[in-house]
Protein backbone atom coordinates (compact mmCIF):
# COMPACT_ATOMS: atom_id res chain seq x y z
CA MET A 1 9.12 108.13 5.05
CA ASN A 2 8.50 104.67 3.59
CA SER A 3 9.39 101.92 6.08
CA ARG A 4 9.76 99.29 3.34
CA ARG A 5 13.27 99.06 1.98
CA ALA A 6 13.84 98.36 -1.68
CA VAL A 7 14.72 94.79 -2.57
CA PRO A 8 18.33 94.70 -3.79
CA ARG A 9 18.98 94.48 -7.50
CA SER A 10 20.76 91.39 -8.80
CA ARG A 11 23.24 91.63 -11.65
CA HIS A 12 25.08 89.28 -13.97
CA VAL A 13 28.79 89.01 -13.22
CA GLU A 14 31.70 87.09 -14.66
CA PRO A 15 31.51 83.51 -13.33
CA ASP A 16 34.20 82.24 -10.96
CA PRO A 17 34.24 78.49 -11.72
CA ALA A 18 37.55 77.56 -10.10
CA ASP A 19 35.91 75.65 -7.22
CA THR A 20 33.43 73.74 -9.34
CA ILE A 21 34.45 72.69 -12.84
CA GLY A 22 36.96 70.12 -11.63
CA THR A 23 34.37 68.42 -9.45
CA LEU A 24 32.19 67.80 -12.51
CA GLY A 25 34.90 66.81 -14.97
CA GLY A 26 34.01 69.67 -17.28
CA CYS A 27 31.42 72.32 -17.98
CA ASP A 28 28.56 72.64 -20.48
CA HIS A 29 26.93 75.76 -19.01
CA ILE A 30 28.04 78.40 -16.54
CA ASP A 31 26.46 81.57 -15.18
CA ALA A 32 26.75 83.85 -12.18
CA VAL A 33 24.76 86.49 -10.36
CA ALA A 34 25.81 89.00 -7.71
CA VAL A 35 24.04 91.17 -5.16
CA ASP A 36 25.31 93.71 -2.67
CA VAL A 37 25.62 92.34 0.88
CA PRO A 38 26.63 93.95 4.18
CA GLN A 39 30.32 93.96 5.06
CA GLY A 40 31.16 91.06 7.36
CA THR A 41 28.78 88.65 5.63
CA SER A 42 30.30 85.17 5.24
CA ALA A 43 29.60 82.69 2.46
CA ARG A 44 27.65 80.63 5.02
CA ASP A 45 25.52 83.65 5.88
CA PHE A 46 24.87 84.28 2.17
CA VAL A 47 23.75 80.68 1.54
CA ARG A 48 21.56 80.64 4.66
CA ALA A 49 19.90 83.91 3.61
CA MET A 50 19.34 82.73 0.02
CA LEU A 51 18.14 79.20 0.70
CA GLY A 52 16.91 79.11 4.30
CA THR A 53 13.37 80.23 3.53
CA PRO A 54 12.99 80.87 -0.21
CA PRO A 55 10.38 83.28 -1.56
CA ALA A 56 6.96 81.81 -2.42
CA SER A 57 7.53 82.45 -6.14
CA THR A 58 10.60 80.21 -6.10
CA THR A 59 8.79 77.45 -4.23
CA ARG A 60 5.97 77.56 -6.82
CA LEU A 61 8.44 77.29 -9.72
CA LEU A 62 10.16 74.31 -8.09
CA ARG A 63 6.83 72.55 -7.53
CA LEU A 64 5.94 73.09 -11.19
CA ARG A 65 9.32 71.69 -12.25
CA ASP A 66 8.82 68.62 -10.04
CA ALA A 67 5.39 67.91 -11.53
CA LEU A 68 6.73 68.24 -15.09
CA VAL A 69 9.75 65.94 -14.63
CA LYS A 70 8.15 63.23 -12.49
CA PRO A 71 6.85 61.23 -15.50
CA PHE A 72 10.45 61.06 -16.80
CA GLY A 73 11.77 59.49 -13.60
CA LEU A 74 13.76 62.53 -12.48
CA LYS A 75 14.25 63.37 -8.81
CA GLY A 76 12.00 65.96 -7.24
CA THR A 77 13.24 68.86 -5.19
CA ASP A 78 13.83 67.89 -1.56
CA ARG A 79 12.30 70.62 0.60
CA SER A 80 12.40 68.73 3.87
CA GLY A 81 13.82 70.20 7.03
CA GLU A 82 15.74 73.35 7.75
CA ALA A 83 18.87 74.34 5.88
CA ARG A 84 21.96 72.84 7.54
CA ILE A 85 24.89 74.93 6.39
CA GLU A 86 27.59 72.34 7.09
CA GLU A 87 29.45 69.80 4.97
CA GLY A 88 27.12 66.93 4.20
CA GLY A 89 24.10 69.10 5.05
CA ARG A 90 21.37 70.32 2.77
CA ALA A 91 20.09 73.74 1.83
CA GLY A 92 16.92 73.49 -0.23
CA PRO A 93 17.59 71.09 -3.10
CA LEU A 94 21.36 71.36 -2.73
CA HIS A 95 23.75 68.94 -1.06
CA LEU A 96 26.58 70.89 0.60
CA TYR A 97 29.95 69.48 -0.46
CA ARG A 98 32.31 72.07 1.05
CA VAL A 99 31.48 74.76 3.56
CA GLY A 100 33.89 77.48 4.59
CA GLU A 101 33.68 81.10 5.61
CA ASP A 102 35.02 82.18 2.19
CA ALA A 103 33.09 79.76 -0.07
CA VAL A 104 30.31 77.18 -0.02
CA VAL A 105 30.19 74.57 -2.79
CA ALA A 106 26.87 72.81 -3.23
CA GLY A 107 25.08 70.89 -5.93
CA LYS A 108 23.16 67.87 -7.05
CA ASP A 109 23.77 64.86 -9.28
CA ASP A 110 21.03 63.28 -11.33
CA LYS A 111 20.98 60.89 -14.25
CA HIS A 112 20.44 63.67 -16.82
CA LEU A 113 22.86 66.30 -15.46
CA SER A 114 24.99 67.35 -12.52
CA TYR A 115 25.53 70.86 -11.27
CA ARG A 116 27.54 72.72 -8.70
CA SER A 117 26.89 76.13 -7.25
CA THR A 118 29.59 78.13 -5.54
CA PHE A 119 28.60 80.91 -3.16
CA LYS A 120 31.23 83.52 -2.26
CA VAL A 121 31.36 86.93 -0.66
CA ARG A 122 33.98 89.29 -2.05
CA PRO A 123 34.76 92.97 -2.56
CA GLY A 124 32.64 94.35 -5.41
CA PRO A 125 32.32 97.64 -7.29
CA HIS A 126 30.00 99.16 -4.64
CA GLY A 127 31.20 97.41 -1.49
CA TRP A 128 30.77 93.75 -0.61
CA GLU A 129 28.89 91.41 -2.92
CA GLY A 130 27.55 87.89 -2.66
CA VAL A 131 28.18 85.88 -5.83
CA ALA A 132 26.44 82.65 -6.81
CA THR A 133 28.10 80.77 -9.70
CA THR A 134 26.40 77.75 -11.25
CA VAL A 135 28.24 75.16 -13.37
CA VAL A 136 26.27 72.48 -15.22
CA ARG A 137 27.51 69.25 -16.83
CA TYR A 138 25.10 67.38 -19.10
CA HIS A 139 24.83 63.60 -19.12
CA ARG A 140 23.82 62.45 -22.59
CA TYR A 141 21.38 64.27 -24.84
CA ALA A 142 18.68 64.16 -22.13
CA GLY A 143 20.64 66.61 -19.98
CA ARG A 144 21.11 69.07 -22.81
CA ALA A 145 17.40 68.90 -23.73
CA TYR A 146 16.28 69.21 -20.10
CA PHE A 147 18.48 72.23 -19.44
CA ALA A 148 17.33 73.95 -22.64
CA VAL A 149 13.78 73.75 -21.29
CA ILE A 150 14.51 74.84 -17.71
CA LYS A 151 17.23 77.44 -18.39
CA PRO A 152 14.82 80.43 -18.29
CA PHE A 153 13.42 79.16 -14.97
CA HIS A 154 16.94 78.56 -13.63
CA VAL A 155 17.82 82.19 -14.35
CA LEU A 156 14.60 83.48 -12.73
CA ILE A 157 15.11 81.34 -9.65
CA LEU A 158 18.80 82.19 -9.24
CA TYR A 159 18.24 85.94 -9.52
CA SER A 160 15.20 85.80 -7.24
CA LEU A 161 17.08 83.83 -4.58
CA ALA A 162 20.08 86.18 -4.76
CA ARG A 163 17.87 89.27 -4.29
CA HIS A 164 15.99 87.52 -1.51
CA GLY A 165 19.26 86.63 0.25
CA ALA A 166 20.55 90.19 0.00
CA ALA A 167 17.29 91.55 1.39
CA VAL A 168 17.36 89.09 4.30
CA LEU A 169 20.95 90.07 5.10
CA ALA A 170 20.08 93.77 4.93
CA GLY A 171 17.08 93.23 7.20
CA ALA A 172 14.64 94.33 4.52
CA LYS A 173 11.14 92.95 4.33
CA THR A 174 11.09 90.59 1.37
CA THR A 175 8.18 89.93 -0.90
CA SER A 176 7.46 87.28 -3.46
CA ARG A 177 7.96 89.77 -6.30
CA GLU A 178 8.80 87.99 -9.47
CA PRO A 179 12.44 87.95 -10.59
CA GLY A 180 13.48 90.64 -13.01
CA ALA A 181 11.78 93.46 -11.14
CA GLY A 182 14.38 95.95 -10.01
CA SER A 183 14.45 98.15 -6.95
CA ARG A 184 11.63 100.62 -6.54
């Protein structure tokens, strides 16, 4: 018997933007991903599992992004300290605006765009699922151009983090497998 559990498969789901669009004054892009999580998982647990210790592949992509945007005066990704899953805390690059057992709203504001991510745990088609919804609002043309360039990386990172979080919650050994690879 193989002792290594399969890494959960992430899937696109219908976004649930109710908690986020109003905080940005509108929406230029929205997406969502879901993964199966154990029953009893809270939104806080889901965020901690996704962002507490990200996979190496995600860290490498964020470092590449930081190097590419630095000449344009954009903020780098803050990777200092442990994730503090509380209002006003930080989890990876995200500032935590609202933290509850049912939903966590996080995000970041920069001069080119602002975004919010909502993390929820809800009943899904195969049991409980953790859902991460991202809403982006562009500021000027620079935000639209920037997001056009990073959108493929955003999708890779979001799906990778969701699978990583589900694996952590399930107690599976995680790897730095690249996003897009399904369960084996």
